[in-house]
Amino acid sequence: MVEKIEHSFAQYVRILARGKTKSRPFTQEEAKTAMDMIMAGDVRAEQLGAFLMLLRFKEETPEEIAGFVRSVRSSLELPNVPVKVDLDWSSYAGKRRQLPWFLLSALMLSHNGTSIFMHGTEGHTTGRIYTRDAIEALGLPIAKSLKDAATKIGKNNFAYLPLENISPRLKEIMELKSVLGLRSPVHTIARLINPFNASCLLQGIFHRGFMQTHQLTAQLLNQPHMAVFRGDGGEIECRPNKPTEVSTVHKGKLNSFIWPPILDKSRQPLDENIDLKRLKNVWDGSDKDEYAIGAIIGTTAIALETLRKTSGHKEALTMARKLWDERDINNLGMAA
């Protein structure tokens, strides 16, 4: 009888699946090595599915996420284009109750000298509006590659690049959600890629349990400045009618603050139409939606504080309101 040789990835499935007493989390190095194999396509489909769902069941640790992120970063083909990015802004959740007002926050910051790399994906959950939809509705360009994104940031201080143009493999794995029925750690990993090594990182989450995971992972990755909060729909968008708990990392130190609500309303309004044309209307002042403006100002304030341009939420809100009041209502676009 011929003895079959065990697949080299089997050990990583076994670490997670040996039962309550023998299973354990990966070390950061084990997580990186396992993800290296996944990114290289050196695993079977059965192994990948088991791996993702075992992680999902036990919930990934900061050490595991840090190892996975390091692996993905090492797989990227970065362009030989000099570019300095101040703020990495991930957008993977999509919106369903309100329009993506955070996009106007990001554009306003870029108009005022903050270079922003925004990345995300779409289509993994039905009934949502995704950032790509909003950018295209505004008539703004979508970057086609990391090199193209770097060029656009150099011209306009802003670029949006879909995940499939950053890492086709990661996008492919993310799309397994419709096959497996659940999100996988890839949704967390993608948010933390930060391919241009921006000094500041913003994170939006939906489930509170992931707040500390993102915070501790950023610390393990030596991210200089990071803020994570429970944003509307899981995006990086302040809900102006609610107190917002923001967890941060600044030069290795962890902290957490409660930002008070901007609006005196307890319930978030539901936008039943979700008309993307309203993004332009709110920008040019023809639509004075109180909730939308509050979301834009609140999100901008959190970004300013993360960028260390202010000292405290009051100063951040004052500066954010000033930027909004002084925006060029006739200029939302950028060069292609």
C-alpha atoms as a PDB file:
ATOM      1  CA  MET A   1       0.000   0.000   0.000  1.00  0.00           C
ATOM      2  CA  VAL A   2       1.367   3.385  -1.034  1.00  0.00           C
ATOM      3  CA  GLU A   3       1.378   5.916   1.791  1.00  0.00           C
ATOM      4  CA  LYS A   4       0.133   9.354   0.768  1.00  0.00           C
ATOM      5  CA  ILE A   5       2.300  12.346   1.641  1.00  0.00           C
ATOM      6  CA  GLU A   6       0.465  14.976   3.703  1.00  0.00           C
ATOM      7  CA  HIS A   7      -0.128  18.315   1.999  1.00  0.00           C
ATOM      8  CA  SER A   8       2.137  21.006   3.482  1.00  0.00           C
ATOM      9  CA  PHE A   9      -0.845  23.246   4.299  1.00  0.00           C
ATOM     10  CA  ALA A  10      -2.623  20.546   6.310  1.00  0.00           C
ATOM     11  CA  GLN A  11      -0.673  21.482   9.437  1.00  0.00           C
ATOM     12  CA  TYR A  12      -2.320  24.911   9.495  1.00  0.00           C
ATOM     13  CA  VAL A  13      -5.817  23.466   9.268  1.00  0.00           C
ATOM     14  CA  ARG A  14      -4.921  21.012  12.029  1.00  0.00           C
ATOM     15  CA  ILE A  15      -3.723  23.744  14.393  1.00  0.00           C
ATOM     16  CA  LEU A  16      -7.210  25.276  14.264  1.00  0.00           C
ATOM     17  CA  ALA A  17      -9.256  22.066  14.260  1.00  0.00           C
ATOM     18  CA  ARG A  18      -7.890  19.752  16.954  1.00  0.00           C
ATOM     19  CA  GLY A  19     -10.758  20.300  19.359  1.00  0.00           C
ATOM     20  CA  LYS A  20     -11.365  22.438  22.425  1.00  0.00           C
ATOM     21  CA  THR A  21      -8.260  21.397  24.342  1.00  0.00           C
ATOM     22  CA  LYS A  22      -5.652  21.103  21.578  1.00  0.00           C
ATOM     23  CA  SER A  23      -6.622  23.798  19.085  1.00  0.00           C
ATOM     24  CA  ARG A  24      -4.836  27.126  19.425  1.00  0.00           C
ATOM     25  CA  PRO A  25      -4.412  30.434  17.598  1.00  0.00           C
ATOM     26  CA  PHE A  26      -1.553  30.949  15.165  1.00  0.00           C
ATOM     27  CA  THR A  27       1.535  32.849  16.110  1.00  0.00           C
ATOM     28  CA  GLN A  28       2.133  35.905  13.932  1.00  0.00           C
ATOM     29  CA  GLU A  29       4.810  34.033  11.949  1.00  0.00           C
ATOM     30  CA  GLU A  30       2.582  30.969  11.452  1.00  0.00           C
ATOM     31  CA  ALA A  31      -0.213  33.231  10.210  1.00  0.00           C
ATOM     32  CA  LYS A  32       2.146  34.909   7.744  1.00  0.00           C
ATOM     33  CA  THR A  33       3.472  31.595   6.415  1.00  0.00           C
ATOM     34  CA  ALA A  34      -0.044  30.188   6.018  1.00  0.00           C
ATOM     35  CA  MET A  35      -1.212  33.307   4.178  1.00  0.00           C
ATOM     36  CA  ASP A  36       1.924  33.233   2.001  1.00  0.00           C
ATOM     37  CA  MET A  37       0.808  29.818   0.766  1.00  0.00           C
ATOM     38  CA  ILE A  38      -2.766  31.018   0.227  1.00  0.00           C
ATOM     39  CA  MET A  39      -1.671  34.098  -1.720  1.00  0.00           C
ATOM     40  CA  ALA A  40       0.621  31.945  -3.876  1.00  0.00           C
ATOM     41  CA  GLY A  41      -2.216  29.515  -4.633  1.00  0.00           C
ATOM     42  CA  ASP A  42      -0.430  26.635  -2.912  1.00  0.00           C
ATOM     43  CA  VAL A  43      -3.549  25.364  -1.119  1.00  0.00           C
ATOM     44  CA  ARG A  44      -6.476  23.256  -2.237  1.00  0.00           C
ATOM     45  CA  ALA A  45      -9.975  24.699  -2.328  1.00  0.00           C
ATOM     46  CA  GLU A  46     -11.108  22.355   0.459  1.00  0.00           C
ATOM     47  CA  GLN A  47      -8.270  23.523   2.673  1.00  0.00           C
ATOM     48  CA  LEU A  48      -8.962  27.200   2.032  1.00  0.00           C
ATOM     49  CA  GLY A  49     -12.652  26.834   2.873  1.00  0.00           C
ATOM     50  CA  ALA A  50     -11.906  24.921   6.075  1.00  0.00           C
ATOM     51  CA  PHE A  51      -9.190  27.409   7.070  1.00  0.00           C
ATOM     52  CA  LEU A  52     -11.405  30.468   6.574  1.00  0.00           C
ATOM     53  CA  MET A  53     -14.403  29.050   8.408  1.00  0.00           C
ATOM     54  CA  LEU A  54     -12.376  27.673  11.321  1.00  0.00           C
ATOM     55  CA  LEU A  55     -10.908  31.144  11.784  1.00  0.00           C
ATOM     56  CA  ARG A  56     -14.376  32.652  11.488  1.00  0.00           C
ATOM     57  CA  PHE A  57     -15.742  30.285  14.126  1.00  0.00           C
ATOM     58  CA  LYS A  58     -13.021  30.904  16.710  1.00  0.00           C
ATOM     59  CA  GLU A  59     -12.555  34.612  15.702  1.00  0.00           C
ATOM     60  CA  GLU A  60      -9.147  35.802  14.593  1.00  0.00           C
ATOM     61  CA  THR A  61      -6.620  37.294  17.019  1.00  0.00           C
ATOM     62  CA  PRO A  62      -4.620  40.506  16.485  1.00  0.00           C
ATOM     63  CA  GLU A  63      -1.454  38.402  16.077  1.00  0.00           C
ATOM     64  CA  GLU A  64      -3.094  36.370  13.320  1.00  0.00           C
ATOM     65  CA  ILE A  65      -4.414  39.425  11.495  1.00  0.00           C
ATOM     66  CA  ALA A  66      -1.002  41.105  11.732  1.00  0.00           C
ATOM     67  CA  GLY A  67       0.645  38.042  10.199  1.00  0.00           C
ATOM     68  CA  PHE A  68      -1.936  37.851   7.421  1.00  0.00           C
ATOM     69  CA  VAL A  69      -1.540  41.556   6.622  1.00  0.00           C
ATOM     70  CA  ARG A  70       2.246  41.280   6.514  1.00  0.00           C
ATOM     71  CA  SER A  71       1.884  38.424   4.026  1.00  0.00           C
ATOM     72  CA  VAL A  72      -0.493  40.321   1.759  1.00  0.00           C
ATOM     73  CA  ARG A  73       1.727  43.400   1.818  1.00  0.00           C
ATOM     74  CA  SER A  74       4.734  41.315   0.774  1.00  0.00           C
ATOM     75  CA  SER A  75       2.760  39.972  -2.210  1.00  0.00           C
ATOM     76  CA  LEU A  76       1.935  43.401  -3.647  1.00  0.00           C
ATOM     77  CA  GLU A  77       3.712  44.842  -6.670  1.00  0.00           C
ATOM     78  CA  LEU A  78       4.294  48.402  -5.538  1.00  0.00           C
ATOM     79  CA  PRO A  79       4.959  51.043  -8.191  1.00  0.00           C
ATOM     80  CA  ASN A  80       8.269  52.815  -8.585  1.00  0.00           C
ATOM     81  CA  VAL A  81       6.474  56.148  -8.325  1.00  0.00           C
ATOM     82  CA  PRO A  82       7.369  58.518  -5.485  1.00  0.00           C
ATOM     83  CA  VAL A  83       4.220  59.262  -3.518  1.00  0.00           C
ATOM     84  CA  LYS A  84       3.521  60.346   0.052  1.00  0.00           C
ATOM     85  CA  VAL A  85       0.178  59.294   1.467  1.00  0.00           C
ATOM     86  CA  ASP A  86      -1.024  60.917   4.685  1.00  0.00           C
ATOM     87  CA  LEU A  87      -4.171  58.890   5.235  1.00  0.00           C
ATOM     88  CA  ASP A  88      -5.171  55.361   4.238  1.00  0.00           C
ATOM     89  CA  TRP A  89      -8.974  55.111   4.044  1.00  0.00           C
ATOM     90  CA  SER A  90     -10.556  51.682   3.596  1.00  0.00           C
ATOM     91  CA  SER A  91     -14.123  51.281   2.334  1.00  0.00           C
ATOM     92  CA  TYR A  92     -15.391  47.702   2.217  1.00  0.00           C
ATOM     93  CA  ALA A  93     -18.792  47.637   3.912  1.00  0.00           C
ATOM     94  CA  GLY A  94     -21.138  49.656   1.698  1.00  0.00           C
ATOM     95  CA  LYS A  95     -24.073  51.756   2.875  1.00  0.00           C
ATOM     96  CA  ARG A  96     -27.773  50.897   3.039  1.00  0.00           C
ATOM     97  CA  ARG A  97     -29.475  53.444   5.333  1.00  0.00           C
ATOM     98  CA  GLN A  98     -27.708  56.600   4.198  1.00  0.00           C
ATOM     99  CA  LEU A  99     -25.559  57.754   1.297  1.00  0.00           C
ATOM    100  CA  PRO A 100     -21.749  57.517   1.719  1.00  0.00           C
ATOM    101  CA  TRP A 101     -21.330  61.003   3.159  1.00  0.00           C
ATOM    102  CA  PHE A 102     -17.808  60.074   4.281  1.00  0.00           C
ATOM    103  CA  LEU A 103     -16.704  60.424   0.652  1.00  0.00           C
ATOM    104  CA  LEU A 104     -17.341  64.175   0.869  1.00  0.00           C
ATOM    105  CA  SER A 105     -15.259  64.265   4.058  1.00  0.00           C
ATOM    106  CA  ALA A 106     -12.359  62.597   2.267  1.00  0.00           C
ATOM    107  CA  LEU A 107     -12.615  64.882  -0.758  1.00  0.00           C
ATOM    108  CA  MET A 108     -12.790  67.964   1.456  1.00  0.00           C
ATOM    109  CA  LEU A 109      -9.645  66.896   3.298  1.00  0.00           C
ATOM    110  CA  SER A 110      -7.856  66.220   0.003  1.00  0.00           C
ATOM    111  CA  HIS A 111      -8.776  69.718  -1.225  1.00  0.00           C
ATOM    112  CA  ASN A 112      -7.077  71.069   1.897  1.00  0.00           C
ATOM    113  CA  GLY A 113      -3.746  69.323   1.494  1.00  0.00           C
ATOM    114  CA  THR A 114      -4.244  65.834   2.973  1.00  0.00           C
ATOM    115  CA  SER A 115      -3.194  63.088   0.566  1.00  0.00           C
ATOM    116  CA  ILE A 116      -5.621  60.155   0.769  1.00  0.00           C
ATOM    117  CA  PHE A 117      -5.563  56.645  -0.643  1.00  0.00           C
ATOM    118  CA  MET A 118      -9.018  55.084  -0.550  1.00  0.00           C
ATOM    119  CA  HIS A 119      -9.532  51.425  -1.419  1.00  0.00           C
ATOM    120  CA  GLY A 120     -12.456  49.052  -1.273  1.00  0.00           C
ATOM    121  CA  THR A 121     -14.685  46.610  -3.054  1.00  0.00           C
ATOM    122  CA  GLU A 122     -18.314  46.134  -3.937  1.00  0.00           C
ATOM    123  CA  GLY A 123     -21.012  43.582  -4.618  1.00  0.00           C
ATOM    124  CA  HIS A 124     -20.345  41.153  -1.765  1.00  0.00           C
ATOM    125  CA  THR A 125     -23.623  42.079   0.008  1.00  0.00           C
ATOM    126  CA  THR A 126     -26.858  42.857  -1.818  1.00  0.00           C
ATOM    127  CA  GLY A 127     -28.876  46.006  -1.186  1.00  0.00           C
ATOM    128  CA  ARG A 128     -25.927  48.313  -0.521  1.00  0.00           C
ATOM    129  CA  ILE A 129     -24.425  51.357  -2.192  1.00  0.00           C
ATOM    130  CA  TYR A 130     -20.667  51.058  -2.562  1.00  0.00           C
ATOM    131  CA  THR A 131     -18.007  53.749  -2.759  1.00  0.00           C
ATOM    132  CA  ARG A 132     -17.194  53.002  -6.386  1.00  0.00           C
ATOM    133  CA  ASP A 133     -20.842  53.721  -7.276  1.00  0.00           C
ATOM    134  CA  ALA A 134     -20.638  57.091  -5.512  1.00  0.00           C
ATOM    135  CA  ILE A 135     -17.321  58.096  -7.073  1.00  0.00           C
ATOM    136  CA  GLU A 136     -18.584  57.264 -10.549  1.00  0.00           C
ATOM    137  CA  ALA A 137     -21.824  59.149  -9.880  1.00  0.00           C
ATOM    138  CA  LEU A 138     -19.736  62.215  -9.032  1.00  0.00           C
ATOM    139  CA  GLY A 139     -17.903  61.853 -12.336  1.00  0.00           C
ATOM    140  CA  LEU A 140     -14.567  61.238 -10.620  1.00  0.00           C
ATOM    141  CA  PRO A 141     -11.932  58.810 -11.938  1.00  0.00           C
ATOM    142  CA  ILE A 142     -11.324  55.309 -10.606  1.00  0.00           C
ATOM    143  CA  ALA A 143      -7.672  54.291 -10.446  1.00  0.00           C
ATOM    144  CA  LYS A 144      -6.703  51.213 -12.460  1.00  0.00           C
ATOM    145  CA  SER A 145      -3.566  50.135 -10.605  1.00  0.00           C
ATOM    146  CA  LEU A 146      -1.357  51.045  -7.675  1.00  0.00           C
ATOM    147  CA  LYS A 147       0.827  52.990 -10.103  1.00  0.00           C
ATOM    148  CA  ASP A 148      -2.185  54.877 -11.444  1.00  0.00           C
ATOM    149  CA  ALA A 149      -3.351  55.544  -7.878  1.00  0.00           C
ATOM    150  CA  ALA A 150       0.064  56.954  -6.974  1.00  0.00           C
ATOM    151  CA  THR A 151      -0.070  59.259 -10.000  1.00  0.00           C
ATOM    152  CA  LYS A 152      -3.574  60.457  -9.134  1.00  0.00           C
ATOM    153  CA  ILE A 153      -2.602  61.121  -5.518  1.00  0.00           C
ATOM    154  CA  GLY A 154       0.337  63.159  -6.775  1.00  0.00           C
ATOM    155  CA  LYS A 155      -2.038  65.278  -8.904  1.00  0.00           C
ATOM    156  CA  ASN A 156      -5.116  65.511  -6.699  1.00  0.00           C
ATOM    157  CA  ASN A 157      -4.254  64.288  -3.185  1.00  0.00           C
ATOM    158  CA  PHE A 158      -6.853  61.546  -3.687  1.00  0.00           C
ATOM    159  CA  ALA A 159      -7.309  58.203  -5.408  1.00  0.00           C
ATOM    160  CA  TYR A 160      -9.752  55.317  -5.111  1.00  0.00           C
ATOM    161  CA  LEU A 161      -8.562  51.874  -6.165  1.00  0.00           C
ATOM    162  CA  PRO A 162     -10.744  48.721  -6.164  1.00  0.00           C
ATOM    163  CA  LEU A 163      -9.379  45.694  -4.307  1.00  0.00           C
ATOM    164  CA  GLU A 164      -9.149  43.604  -7.484  1.00  0.00           C
ATOM    165  CA  ASN A 165      -6.539  46.051  -8.775  1.00  0.00           C
ATOM    166  CA  ILE A 166      -4.542  45.815  -5.555  1.00  0.00           C
ATOM    167  CA  SER A 167      -4.716  42.059  -4.973  1.00  0.00           C
ATOM    168  CA  PRO A 168      -6.817  39.914  -7.352  1.00  0.00           C
ATOM    169  CA  ARG A 169      -6.217  36.926  -5.072  1.00  0.00           C
ATOM    170  CA  LEU A 170      -7.614  38.709  -2.028  1.00  0.00           C
ATOM    171  CA  LYS A 171     -10.662  39.805  -4.020  1.00  0.00           C
ATOM    172  CA  GLU A 172     -11.192  36.213  -5.174  1.00  0.00           C
ATOM    173  CA  ILE A 173     -11.121  34.969  -1.576  1.00  0.00           C
ATOM    174  CA  MET A 174     -13.478  37.727  -0.421  1.00  0.00           C
ATOM    175  CA  GLU A 175     -16.019  36.645  -3.021  1.00  0.00           C
ATOM    176  CA  LEU A 176     -16.241  33.238  -1.329  1.00  0.00           C
ATOM    177  CA  LYS A 177     -18.676  34.862   1.098  1.00  0.00           C
ATOM    178  CA  SER A 178     -21.539  33.929  -1.220  1.00  0.00           C
ATOM    179  CA  VAL A 179     -20.295  30.313  -1.275  1.00  0.00           C
ATOM    180  CA  LEU A 180     -19.509  29.929   2.429  1.00  0.00           C
ATOM    181  CA  GLY A 181     -22.385  32.077   3.684  1.00  0.00           C
ATOM    182  CA  LEU A 182     -20.219  34.087   6.087  1.00  0.00           C
ATOM    183  CA  ARG A 183     -17.585  36.793   5.954  1.00  0.00           C
ATOM    184  CA  SER A 184     -14.020  35.636   6.442  1.00  0.00           C
ATOM    185  CA  PRO A 185     -10.934  37.277   7.972  1.00  0.00           C
ATOM    186  CA  VAL A 186     -10.180  38.674   4.504  1.00  0.00           C
ATOM    187  CA  HIS A 187     -12.691  41.478   5.153  1.00  0.00           C
ATOM    188  CA  THR A 188     -10.562  42.571   8.116  1.00  0.00           C
ATOM    189  CA  ILE A 189      -7.232  41.983   6.364  1.00  0.00           C
ATOM    190  CA  ALA A 190      -8.149  44.103   3.341  1.00  0.00           C
ATOM    191  CA  ARG A 191      -8.945  47.092   5.548  1.00  0.00           C
ATOM    192  CA  LEU A 192      -5.441  47.031   7.018  1.00  0.00           C
ATOM    193  CA  ILE A 193      -3.312  46.565   3.882  1.00  0.00           C
ATOM    194  CA  ASN A 194      -2.147  50.205   3.725  1.00  0.00           C
ATOM    195  CA  PRO A 195      -0.012  49.552   0.621  1.00  0.00           C
ATOM    196  CA  PHE A 196       1.482  53.057   0.477  1.00  0.00           C
ATOM    197  CA  ASN A 197       2.501  52.926   4.149  1.00  0.00           C
ATOM    198  CA  ALA A 198       0.446  55.985   5.118  1.00  0.00           C
ATOM    199  CA  SER A 199       1.324  57.295   8.557  1.00  0.00           C
ATOM    200  CA  CYS A 200      -2.371  57.552   9.489  1.00  0.00           C
ATOM    201  CA  LEU A 201      -4.986  54.845   9.187  1.00  0.00           C
ATOM    202  CA  LEU A 202      -8.755  55.154   9.642  1.00  0.00           C
ATOM    203  CA  GLN A 203     -10.902  52.091  10.260  1.00  0.00           C
ATOM    204  CA  GLY A 204     -14.670  51.650  10.371  1.00  0.00           C
ATOM    205  CA  ILE A 205     -16.242  48.556  11.907  1.00  0.00           C
ATOM    206  CA  PHE A 206     -19.809  47.388  12.441  1.00  0.00           C
ATOM    207  CA  HIS A 207     -19.412  44.841  15.258  1.00  0.00           C
ATOM    208  CA  ARG A 208     -18.017  46.328  18.449  1.00  0.00           C
ATOM    209  CA  GLY A 209     -16.002  43.182  19.145  1.00  0.00           C
ATOM    210  CA  PHE A 210     -13.644  44.030  16.294  1.00  0.00           C
ATOM    211  CA  MET A 211     -12.724  47.433  17.748  1.00  0.00           C
ATOM    212  CA  GLN A 212      -9.930  46.105  19.947  1.00  0.00           C
ATOM    213  CA  THR A 213      -8.808  43.632  17.280  1.00  0.00           C
ATOM    214  CA  HIS A 214      -8.138  46.482  14.853  1.00  0.00           C
ATOM    215  CA  GLN A 215      -6.500  48.605  17.519  1.00  0.00           C
ATOM    216  CA  LEU A 216      -4.136  45.884  18.748  1.00  0.00           C
ATOM    217  CA  THR A 217      -3.333  44.753  15.202  1.00  0.00           C
ATOM    218  CA  ALA A 218      -2.340  48.296  14.258  1.00  0.00           C
ATOM    219  CA  GLN A 219      -0.075  48.392  17.302  1.00  0.00           C
ATOM    220  CA  LEU A 220       1.556  45.075  16.307  1.00  0.00           C
ATOM    221  CA  LEU A 221       2.106  46.420  12.781  1.00  0.00           C
ATOM    222  CA  ASN A 222       3.801  49.529  14.222  1.00  0.00           C
ATOM    223  CA  GLN A 223       1.221  51.790  12.596  1.00  0.00           C
ATOM    224  CA  PRO A 224       2.157  55.313  13.789  1.00  0.00           C
ATOM    225  CA  HIS A 225      -1.386  56.689  13.984  1.00  0.00           C
ATOM    226  CA  MET A 226      -4.709  54.837  13.761  1.00  0.00           C
ATOM    227  CA  ALA A 227      -8.319  55.370  14.779  1.00  0.00           C
ATOM    228  CA  VAL A 228     -11.156  52.866  14.645  1.00  0.00           C
ATOM    229  CA  PHE A 229     -14.811  53.393  15.469  1.00  0.00           C
ATOM    230  CA  ARG A 230     -18.215  51.869  14.846  1.00  0.00           C
ATOM    231  CA  GLY A 231     -19.224  53.781  11.745  1.00  0.00           C
ATOM    232  CA  ASP A 232     -22.535  53.823   9.913  1.00  0.00           C
ATOM    233  CA  GLY A 233     -22.984  50.473   8.202  1.00  0.00           C
ATOM    234  CA  GLY A 234     -19.391  49.579   9.072  1.00  0.00           C
ATOM    235  CA  GLU A 235     -17.907  52.381   6.977  1.00  0.00           C
ATOM    236  CA  ILE A 236     -15.633  55.179   8.227  1.00  0.00           C
ATOM    237  CA  GLU A 237     -18.517  57.549   8.844  1.00  0.00           C
ATOM    238  CA  CYS A 238     -19.486  59.213  12.104  1.00  0.00           C
ATOM    239  CA  ARG A 239     -23.153  58.916  13.099  1.00  0.00           C
ATOM    240  CA  PRO A 240     -23.768  62.503  14.205  1.00  0.00           C
ATOM    241  CA  ASN A 241     -26.792  61.632  16.317  1.00  0.00           C
ATOM    242  CA  LYS A 242     -24.913  59.142  18.521  1.00  0.00           C
ATOM    243  CA  PRO A 243     -21.930  59.255  20.876  1.00  0.00           C
ATOM    244  CA  THR A 244     -18.948  57.757  19.056  1.00  0.00           C
ATOM    245  CA  GLU A 245     -16.350  55.660  20.843  1.00  0.00           C
ATOM    246  CA  VAL A 246     -13.027  56.047  19.042  1.00  0.00           C
ATOM    247  CA  SER A 247     -10.105  53.747  19.853  1.00  0.00           C
ATOM    248  CA  THR A 248      -6.677  54.963  18.803  1.00  0.00           C
ATOM    249  CA  VAL A 249      -3.026  54.098  18.445  1.00  0.00           C
ATOM    250  CA  HIS A 250      -0.533  56.943  18.481  1.00  0.00           C
ATOM    251  CA  LYS A 251       3.135  55.970  18.402  1.00  0.00           C
ATOM    252  CA  GLY A 252       2.476  52.671  20.133  1.00  0.00           C
ATOM    253  CA  LYS A 253       0.167  54.029  22.831  1.00  0.00           C
ATOM    254  CA  LEU A 254      -3.452  52.839  23.015  1.00  0.00           C
ATOM    255  CA  ASN A 255      -6.318  55.055  24.023  1.00  0.00           C
ATOM    256  CA  SER A 256     -10.073  55.405  23.719  1.00  0.00           C
ATOM    257  CA  PHE A 257     -12.382  58.428  23.735  1.00  0.00           C
ATOM    258  CA  ILE A 258     -16.102  59.104  23.537  1.00  0.00           C
ATOM    259  CA  TRP A 259     -16.985  61.804  21.006  1.00  0.00           C
ATOM    260  CA  PRO A 260     -20.311  63.447  21.913  1.00  0.00           C
ATOM    261  CA  PRO A 261     -23.144  63.565  19.346  1.00  0.00           C
ATOM    262  CA  ILE A 262     -23.321  66.565  17.035  1.00  0.00           C
ATOM    263  CA  LEU A 263     -27.084  66.492  16.512  1.00  0.00           C
ATOM    264  CA  ASP A 264     -29.773  66.494  19.170  1.00  0.00           C
ATOM    265  CA  LYS A 265     -31.592  63.515  17.685  1.00  0.00           C
ATOM    266  CA  SER A 266     -31.700  59.994  19.046  1.00  0.00           C
ATOM    267  CA  ARG A 267     -32.792  58.188  15.876  1.00  0.00           C
ATOM    268  CA  GLN A 268     -30.925  58.001  12.598  1.00  0.00           C
ATOM    269  CA  PRO A 269     -33.140  58.969   9.643  1.00  0.00           C
ATOM    270  CA  LEU A 270     -33.599  56.383   6.907  1.00  0.00           C
ATOM    271  CA  ASP A 271     -32.995  57.584   3.362  1.00  0.00           C
ATOM    272  CA  GLU A 272     -35.423  55.441   1.393  1.00  0.00           C
ATOM    273  CA  ASN A 273     -34.406  56.786  -2.021  1.00  0.00           C
ATOM    274  CA  ILE A 274     -30.582  56.655  -1.764  1.00  0.00           C
ATOM    275  CA  ASP A 275     -30.201  59.037  -4.694  1.00  0.00           C
ATOM    276  CA  LEU A 276     -26.501  59.477  -5.425  1.00  0.00           C
ATOM    277  CA  LYS A 277     -27.184  62.847  -7.045  1.00  0.00           C
ATOM    278  CA  ARG A 278     -27.714  64.220  -3.531  1.00  0.00           C
ATOM    279  CA  LEU A 279     -23.980  63.979  -2.838  1.00  0.00           C
ATOM    280  CA  LYS A 280     -23.384  66.855  -5.258  1.00  0.00           C
ATOM    281  CA  ASN A 281     -26.419  68.722  -3.991  1.00  0.00           C
ATOM    282  CA  VAL A 282     -25.221  68.635  -0.388  1.00  0.00           C
ATOM    283  CA  TRP A 283     -21.746  69.703  -1.494  1.00  0.00           C
ATOM    284  CA  ASP A 284     -22.994  72.710  -3.480  1.00  0.00           C
ATOM    285  CA  GLY A 285     -25.445  73.723  -0.743  1.00  0.00           C
ATOM    286  CA  SER A 286     -28.665  73.204  -2.690  1.00  0.00           C
ATOM    287  CA  ASP A 287     -29.526  70.384  -0.255  1.00  0.00           C
ATOM    288  CA  LYS A 288     -29.014  71.358   3.390  1.00  0.00           C
ATOM    289  CA  ASP A 289     -29.601  67.910   4.884  1.00  0.00           C
ATOM    290  CA  GLU A 290     -28.771  68.324   8.573  1.00  0.00           C
ATOM    291  CA  TYR A 291     -27.862  64.678   9.120  1.00  0.00           C
ATOM    292  CA  ALA A 292     -25.612  64.554   6.060  1.00  0.00           C
ATOM    293  CA  ILE A 293     -23.712  67.705   7.031  1.00  0.00           C
ATOM    294  CA  GLY A 294     -23.337  66.425  10.588  1.00  0.00           C
ATOM    295  CA  ALA A 295     -21.930  63.124   9.311  1.00  0.00           C
ATOM    296  CA  ILE A 296     -19.461  64.938   7.040  1.00  0.00           C
ATOM    297  CA  ILE A 297     -18.261  67.300   9.767  1.00  0.00           C
ATOM    298  CA  GLY A 298     -18.051  64.576  12.419  1.00  0.00           C
ATOM    299  CA  THR A 299     -16.114  62.215  10.153  1.00  0.00           C
ATOM    300  CA  THR A 300     -13.761  65.007   9.092  1.00  0.00           C
ATOM    301  CA  ALA A 301     -13.140  65.913  12.726  1.00  0.00           C
ATOM    302  CA  ILE A 302     -12.139  62.338  13.631  1.00  0.00           C
ATOM    303  CA  ALA A 303      -9.794  62.280  10.623  1.00  0.00           C
ATOM    304  CA  LEU A 304      -8.211  65.605  11.629  1.00  0.00           C
ATOM    305  CA  GLU A 305      -7.615  64.368  15.150  1.00  0.00           C
ATOM    306  CA  THR A 306      -6.102  61.102  13.851  1.00  0.00           C
ATOM    307  CA  LEU A 307      -3.820  63.132  11.578  1.00  0.00           C
ATOM    308  CA  ARG A 308      -2.731  65.061  14.717  1.00  0.00           C
ATOM    309  CA  LYS A 309      -3.791  68.360  13.165  1.00  0.00           C
ATOM    310  CA  THR A 310      -5.847  69.209  16.267  1.00  0.00           C
ATOM    311  CA  SER A 311      -5.732  68.585  19.998  1.00  0.00           C
ATOM    312  CA  GLY A 312      -9.083  67.292  21.189  1.00  0.00           C
ATOM    313  CA  HIS A 313     -12.534  66.843  19.725  1.00  0.00           C
ATOM    314  CA  LYS A 314     -13.663  70.453  20.250  1.00  0.00           C
ATOM    315  CA  GLU A 315     -10.821  71.888  18.203  1.00  0.00           C
ATOM    316  CA  ALA A 316     -11.277  69.131  15.615  1.00  0.00           C
ATOM    317  CA  LEU A 317     -14.976  69.905  15.218  1.00  0.00           C
ATOM    318  CA  THR A 318     -14.268  73.642  14.959  1.00  0.00           C
ATOM    319  CA  MET A 319     -11.699  73.045  12.218  1.00  0.00           C
ATOM    320  CA  ALA A 320     -13.984  70.587  10.396  1.00  0.00           C
ATOM    321  CA  ARG A 321     -16.845  73.112  10.389  1.00  0.00           C
ATOM    322  CA  LYS A 322     -14.482  75.787   9.099  1.00  0.00           C
ATOM    323  CA  LEU A 323     -13.340  73.550   6.242  1.00  0.00           C
ATOM    324  CA  TRP A 324     -16.961  72.816   5.373  1.00  0.00           C
ATOM    325  CA  ASP A 325     -18.029  76.448   5.501  1.00  0.00           C
ATOM    326  CA  GLU A 326     -15.084  77.502   3.335  1.00  0.00           C
ATOM    327  CA  ARG A 327     -15.266  74.679   0.756  1.00  0.00           C
ATOM    328  CA  ASP A 328     -15.399  75.594  -2.916  1.00  0.00           C
ATOM    329  CA  ILE A 329     -18.996  74.627  -3.698  1.00  0.00           C
ATOM    330  CA  ASN A 330     -18.235  74.747  -7.414  1.00  0.00           C
ATOM    331  CA  ASN A 331     -15.270  72.378  -7.239  1.00  0.00           C
ATOM    332  CA  LEU A 332     -15.798  68.776  -6.282  1.00  0.00           C
ATOM    333  CA  GLY A 333     -13.941  67.234  -9.206  1.00  0.00           C
ATOM    334  CA  MET A 334     -10.319  66.515  -9.971  1.00  0.00           C
ATOM    335  CA  ALA A 335      -8.079  65.952 -12.939  1.00  0.00           C
ATOM    336  CA  ALA A 336      -8.312  62.523 -14.568  1.00  0.00           C
END
